[in-house]
Amino acid sequence: MSGEKNPWEILLFPHTSEKSIRLIEKENTIVFIVNKKSNKIEIKNAFEKAFNVKVDKVRTLITQKNEKKAFIKLNKNYSASDIAIRLGII
């Protein structure tokens, strides 16, 4: 059994399109490009560990560029905007 992974092995970088920024503001959802081998539970745990927040839901898809994109919806008690500001994307 392997030890706990570094969250940054799973969370590669934030996705910063106009639509992704709109999701931060409207749906408290932050979009990340993630390791293709990671599953939703690993993504959720990595995000919660990296940012000390509670995640309600993770949706994923594979882009045309063959990247895995994760839509990470935060619990209403936490702000995706605060994380985006900490990451320097808004």
N, C-alpha and C. Protein backbone atom coordinates (compact mmCIF):
# COMPACT_ATOMS: atom_id res chain seq x y z
N MET A 1 0.83 -1.19 0.00
CA MET A 1 0.00 0.00 0.00
C MET A 1 0.88 1.25 0.00
N SER A 2 0.57 2.18 -0.88
CA SER A 2 1.40 3.38 -0.97
C SER A 2 0.98 4.40 0.07
N GLY A 3 1.91 5.27 0.43
CA GLY A 3 1.62 6.34 1.38
C GLY A 3 0.74 7.40 0.72
N GLU A 4 0.37 8.39 1.48
CA GLU A 4 -0.50 9.42 0.95
C GLU A 4 0.24 10.25 -0.09
N LYS A 5 -0.45 10.53 -1.20
CA LYS A 5 0.16 11.28 -2.29
C LYS A 5 0.21 12.77 -1.97
N ASN A 6 1.20 13.41 -2.53
CA ASN A 6 1.28 14.87 -2.49
C ASN A 6 0.12 15.40 -3.34
N PRO A 7 -0.69 16.34 -2.83
CA PRO A 7 -1.83 16.83 -3.62
C PRO A 7 -1.41 17.38 -4.99
N TRP A 8 -0.19 17.88 -5.09
CA TRP A 8 0.25 18.49 -6.35
C TRP A 8 0.68 17.45 -7.38
N GLU A 9 0.69 16.16 -6.99
CA GLU A 9 0.88 15.10 -7.98
C GLU A 9 -0.44 14.83 -8.69
N ILE A 10 -1.55 15.19 -8.04
CA ILE A 10 -2.89 14.97 -8.61
C ILE A 10 -3.40 16.26 -9.25
N LEU A 11 -3.32 17.37 -8.52
CA LEU A 11 -3.78 18.68 -9.03
C LEU A 11 -2.63 19.30 -9.81
N LEU A 12 -2.72 19.31 -11.12
CA LEU A 12 -1.58 19.81 -11.91
C LEU A 12 -1.56 21.33 -11.99
N PHE A 13 -2.65 21.91 -12.50
CA PHE A 13 -2.72 23.38 -12.54
C PHE A 13 -4.17 23.81 -12.74
N PRO A 14 -4.50 25.06 -12.32
CA PRO A 14 -5.87 25.55 -12.50
C PRO A 14 -6.15 25.85 -13.96
N HIS A 15 -7.37 25.62 -14.37
CA HIS A 15 -7.80 25.93 -15.74
C HIS A 15 -8.35 27.35 -15.70
N THR A 16 -7.92 28.21 -16.62
CA THR A 16 -8.23 29.64 -16.49
C THR A 16 -8.95 30.23 -17.70
N SER A 17 -9.84 29.47 -18.33
CA SER A 17 -10.62 30.05 -19.43
C SER A 17 -11.69 30.99 -18.86
N GLU A 18 -12.33 31.75 -19.74
CA GLU A 18 -13.41 32.64 -19.29
C GLU A 18 -14.52 31.85 -18.61
N LYS A 19 -14.86 30.71 -19.20
CA LYS A 19 -15.91 29.88 -18.62
C LYS A 19 -15.52 29.39 -17.22
N SER A 20 -14.26 29.00 -17.05
CA SER A 20 -13.80 28.53 -15.73
C SER A 20 -13.89 29.63 -14.69
N ILE A 21 -13.54 30.85 -15.09
CA ILE A 21 -13.62 31.99 -14.17
C ILE A 21 -15.08 32.26 -13.80
N ARG A 22 -15.99 32.15 -14.79
CA ARG A 22 -17.42 32.35 -14.54
C ARG A 22 -17.95 31.31 -13.54
N LEU A 23 -17.49 30.07 -13.67
CA LEU A 23 -17.93 29.01 -12.74
C LEU A 23 -17.51 29.32 -11.30
N ILE A 24 -16.32 29.93 -11.15
CA ILE A 24 -15.85 30.31 -9.81
C ILE A 24 -16.86 31.28 -9.19
N GLU A 25 -17.27 32.28 -9.98
CA GLU A 25 -18.14 33.33 -9.46
C GLU A 25 -19.59 32.87 -9.30
N LYS A 26 -20.10 32.09 -10.26
CA LYS A 26 -21.53 31.75 -10.26
C LYS A 26 -21.86 30.47 -9.50
N GLU A 27 -20.97 29.47 -9.53
CA GLU A 27 -21.33 28.17 -8.98
C GLU A 27 -20.38 27.69 -7.87
N ASN A 28 -19.46 28.56 -7.43
CA ASN A 28 -18.50 28.19 -6.38
C ASN A 28 -17.72 26.93 -6.77
N THR A 29 -17.40 26.86 -8.07
CA THR A 29 -16.71 25.70 -8.63
C THR A 29 -15.39 26.15 -9.22
N ILE A 30 -14.34 25.43 -8.91
CA ILE A 30 -13.03 25.76 -9.46
C ILE A 30 -12.61 24.61 -10.38
N VAL A 31 -11.99 24.96 -11.51
CA VAL A 31 -11.65 23.96 -12.52
C VAL A 31 -10.13 23.75 -12.52
N PHE A 32 -9.72 22.49 -12.44
CA PHE A 32 -8.30 22.13 -12.44
C PHE A 32 -8.03 21.10 -13.51
N ILE A 33 -6.85 21.17 -14.10
CA ILE A 33 -6.35 20.07 -14.91
C ILE A 33 -5.66 19.13 -13.92
N VAL A 34 -6.03 17.86 -13.96
CA VAL A 34 -5.55 16.90 -12.97
C VAL A 34 -4.84 15.73 -13.64
N ASN A 35 -4.14 14.96 -12.83
CA ASN A 35 -3.46 13.76 -13.30
C ASN A 35 -4.51 12.82 -13.90
N LYS A 36 -4.24 12.34 -15.10
CA LYS A 36 -5.22 11.51 -15.80
C LYS A 36 -5.53 10.21 -15.08
N LYS A 37 -4.61 9.72 -14.27
CA LYS A 37 -4.81 8.45 -13.58
C LYS A 37 -5.61 8.61 -12.28
N SER A 38 -5.82 9.84 -11.84
CA SER A 38 -6.50 10.05 -10.56
C SER A 38 -8.01 9.91 -10.71
N ASN A 39 -8.64 9.43 -9.64
CA ASN A 39 -10.10 9.31 -9.66
C ASN A 39 -10.73 10.46 -8.86
N LYS A 40 -12.07 10.53 -8.86
CA LYS A 40 -12.77 11.65 -8.23
C LYS A 40 -12.48 11.74 -6.73
N ILE A 41 -12.38 10.59 -6.08
CA ILE A 41 -12.12 10.59 -4.63
C ILE A 41 -10.72 11.13 -4.35
N GLU A 42 -9.73 10.71 -5.15
CA GLU A 42 -8.36 11.22 -4.96
C GLU A 42 -8.31 12.72 -5.23
N ILE A 43 -9.03 13.18 -6.25
CA ILE A 43 -9.06 14.62 -6.58
C ILE A 43 -9.67 15.39 -5.41
N LYS A 44 -10.80 14.90 -4.90
CA LYS A 44 -11.48 15.56 -3.78
C LYS A 44 -10.55 15.64 -2.57
N ASN A 45 -9.93 14.51 -2.21
CA ASN A 45 -9.04 14.49 -1.04
C ASN A 45 -7.83 15.40 -1.23
N ALA A 46 -7.25 15.39 -2.42
CA ALA A 46 -6.08 16.24 -2.69
C ALA A 46 -6.45 17.71 -2.58
N PHE A 47 -7.62 18.08 -3.13
CA PHE A 47 -8.04 19.49 -3.10
C PHE A 47 -8.33 19.93 -1.66
N GLU A 48 -9.02 19.08 -0.92
CA GLU A 48 -9.32 19.42 0.48
C GLU A 48 -8.04 19.58 1.29
N LYS A 49 -7.06 18.71 1.04
CA LYS A 49 -5.79 18.78 1.76
C LYS A 49 -4.98 20.02 1.35
N ALA A 50 -4.95 20.30 0.05
CA ALA A 50 -4.14 21.42 -0.44
C ALA A 50 -4.69 22.77 0.01
N PHE A 51 -6.02 22.91 0.07
CA PHE A 51 -6.61 24.23 0.33
C PHE A 51 -7.38 24.31 1.65
N ASN A 52 -7.42 23.21 2.40
CA ASN A 52 -8.10 23.20 3.69
C ASN A 52 -9.55 23.66 3.57
N VAL A 53 -10.26 23.04 2.62
CA VAL A 53 -11.68 23.35 2.38
C VAL A 53 -12.46 22.04 2.30
N LYS A 54 -13.78 22.14 2.21
CA LYS A 54 -14.66 20.98 2.06
C LYS A 54 -15.20 20.99 0.62
N VAL A 55 -15.09 19.86 -0.06
CA VAL A 55 -15.57 19.73 -1.44
C VAL A 55 -16.89 18.96 -1.44
N ASP A 56 -17.90 19.51 -2.12
CA ASP A 56 -19.19 18.83 -2.21
C ASP A 56 -19.22 17.81 -3.35
N LYS A 57 -18.61 18.16 -4.48
CA LYS A 57 -18.77 17.31 -5.66
C LYS A 57 -17.61 17.51 -6.62
N VAL A 58 -17.22 16.44 -7.31
CA VAL A 58 -16.19 16.52 -8.35
C VAL A 58 -16.76 15.89 -9.61
N ARG A 59 -16.71 16.64 -10.70
CA ARG A 59 -17.06 16.10 -12.02
C ARG A 59 -15.80 16.14 -12.87
N THR A 60 -15.62 15.13 -13.71
CA THR A 60 -14.41 15.11 -14.54
C THR A 60 -14.77 14.86 -16.00
N LEU A 61 -13.86 15.27 -16.87
CA LEU A 61 -13.98 14.95 -18.29
C LEU A 61 -12.60 14.95 -18.91
N ILE A 62 -12.48 14.28 -20.03
CA ILE A 62 -11.22 14.27 -20.78
C ILE A 62 -11.39 15.25 -21.93
N THR A 63 -10.47 16.20 -22.05
CA THR A 63 -10.58 17.23 -23.08
C THR A 63 -10.08 16.69 -24.43
N GLN A 64 -10.28 17.49 -25.47
CA GLN A 64 -9.78 17.11 -26.80
C GLN A 64 -8.25 17.05 -26.81
N LYS A 65 -7.61 17.79 -25.91
CA LYS A 65 -6.14 17.76 -25.81
C LYS A 65 -5.67 16.56 -25.00
N ASN A 66 -6.63 15.68 -24.63
CA ASN A 66 -6.33 14.48 -23.85
C ASN A 66 -5.86 14.81 -22.43
N GLU A 67 -6.38 15.89 -21.87
CA GLU A 67 -6.12 16.25 -20.48
C GLU A 67 -7.36 15.92 -19.67
N LYS A 68 -7.19 15.63 -18.39
CA LYS A 68 -8.33 15.39 -17.51
C LYS A 68 -8.65 16.69 -16.78
N LYS A 69 -9.89 17.14 -16.95
CA LYS A 69 -10.33 18.37 -16.32
C LYS A 69 -11.29 18.02 -15.20
N ALA A 70 -11.08 18.59 -14.03
CA ALA A 70 -11.95 18.34 -12.88
C ALA A 70 -12.68 19.63 -12.50
N PHE A 71 -14.00 19.52 -12.37
CA PHE A 71 -14.83 20.63 -11.90
C PHE A 71 -15.09 20.35 -10.43
N ILE A 72 -14.48 21.17 -9.57
CA ILE A 72 -14.49 20.91 -8.12
C ILE A 72 -15.43 21.92 -7.46
N LYS A 73 -16.61 21.42 -7.04
CA LYS A 73 -17.61 22.29 -6.41
C LYS A 73 -17.38 22.31 -4.91
N LEU A 74 -17.16 23.51 -4.39
CA LEU A 74 -16.89 23.65 -2.95
C LEU A 74 -18.18 23.71 -2.14
N ASN A 75 -18.07 23.31 -0.90
CA ASN A 75 -19.15 23.46 0.06
C ASN A 75 -19.48 24.95 0.18
N LYS A 76 -20.77 25.25 0.41
CA LYS A 76 -21.19 26.67 0.45
C LYS A 76 -20.51 27.49 1.54
N ASN A 77 -19.90 26.82 2.53
CA ASN A 77 -19.19 27.53 3.59
C ASN A 77 -17.81 28.02 3.16
N TYR A 78 -17.38 27.64 1.96
CA TYR A 78 -16.06 28.03 1.46
C TYR A 78 -16.23 28.77 0.14
N SER A 79 -15.25 29.58 -0.19
CA SER A 79 -15.35 30.42 -1.38
C SER A 79 -14.30 30.03 -2.43
N ALA A 80 -14.80 29.66 -3.61
CA ALA A 80 -13.89 29.36 -4.72
C ALA A 80 -13.11 30.61 -5.12
N SER A 81 -13.73 31.79 -4.95
CA SER A 81 -13.05 33.04 -5.29
C SER A 81 -11.81 33.24 -4.42
N ASP A 82 -11.91 32.91 -3.13
CA ASP A 82 -10.75 33.05 -2.24
C ASP A 82 -9.59 32.18 -2.72
N ILE A 83 -9.89 30.96 -3.13
CA ILE A 83 -8.84 30.05 -3.62
C ILE A 83 -8.28 30.58 -4.93
N ALA A 84 -9.15 31.06 -5.82
CA ALA A 84 -8.69 31.60 -7.10
C ALA A 84 -7.77 32.79 -6.88
N ILE A 85 -8.07 33.63 -5.90
CA ILE A 85 -7.23 34.79 -5.57
C ILE A 85 -5.87 34.28 -5.05
N ARG A 86 -5.91 33.27 -4.15
CA ARG A 86 -4.65 32.71 -3.63
C ARG A 86 -3.78 32.13 -4.75
N LEU A 87 -4.44 31.55 -5.76
CA LEU A 87 -3.72 30.97 -6.89
C LEU A 87 -3.30 32.02 -7.92
N GLY A 88 -3.84 33.23 -7.78
CA GLY A 88 -3.51 34.32 -8.71
C GLY A 88 -4.22 34.21 -10.06
N ILE A 89 -5.39 33.53 -10.08
CA ILE A 89 -6.10 33.43 -11.37
C ILE A 89 -7.22 34.45 -11.53
N ILE A 90 -7.60 35.11 -10.44
CA ILE A 90 -8.52 36.26 -10.57
C ILE A 90 -8.03 37.39 -9.68
